[in-house]
Amino acid sequence: MAHKKGVGSSKNGRESHSKR
């Protein structure tokens, strides 16, 4: 999940999986 970009696994990781 948060291993997609690795930028802010706390905030970015959560938004990334919601946007992607």
Protein backbone atom coordinates (compact mmCIF):
# COMPACT_ATOMS: atom_id res chain seq x y z
CA MET A 1 0.00 0.00 0.00
CA ALA A 2 2.44 2.62 1.20
CA HIS A 3 5.18 0.95 -0.78
CA LYS A 4 4.19 2.55 -4.05
CA LYS A 5 6.06 5.83 -3.88
CA GLY A 6 7.63 5.70 -0.42
CA VAL A 7 7.01 9.41 0.23
CA GLY A 8 5.26 10.00 3.54
CA SER A 9 4.00 6.49 4.11
CA SER A 10 1.75 8.00 6.77
CA LYS A 11 0.03 10.70 4.72
CA ASN A 12 1.07 10.12 1.13
CA GLY A 13 0.71 6.37 1.41
CA ARG A 14 -2.90 6.76 2.48
CA GLU A 15 -3.79 9.31 -0.20
CA SER A 16 -1.90 7.43 -2.89
CA HIS A 17 -3.97 4.30 -2.45
CA SER A 18 -7.14 6.35 -2.48
CA LYS A 19 -6.21 8.34 -5.58
CA ARG A 20 -4.65 5.45 -7.52
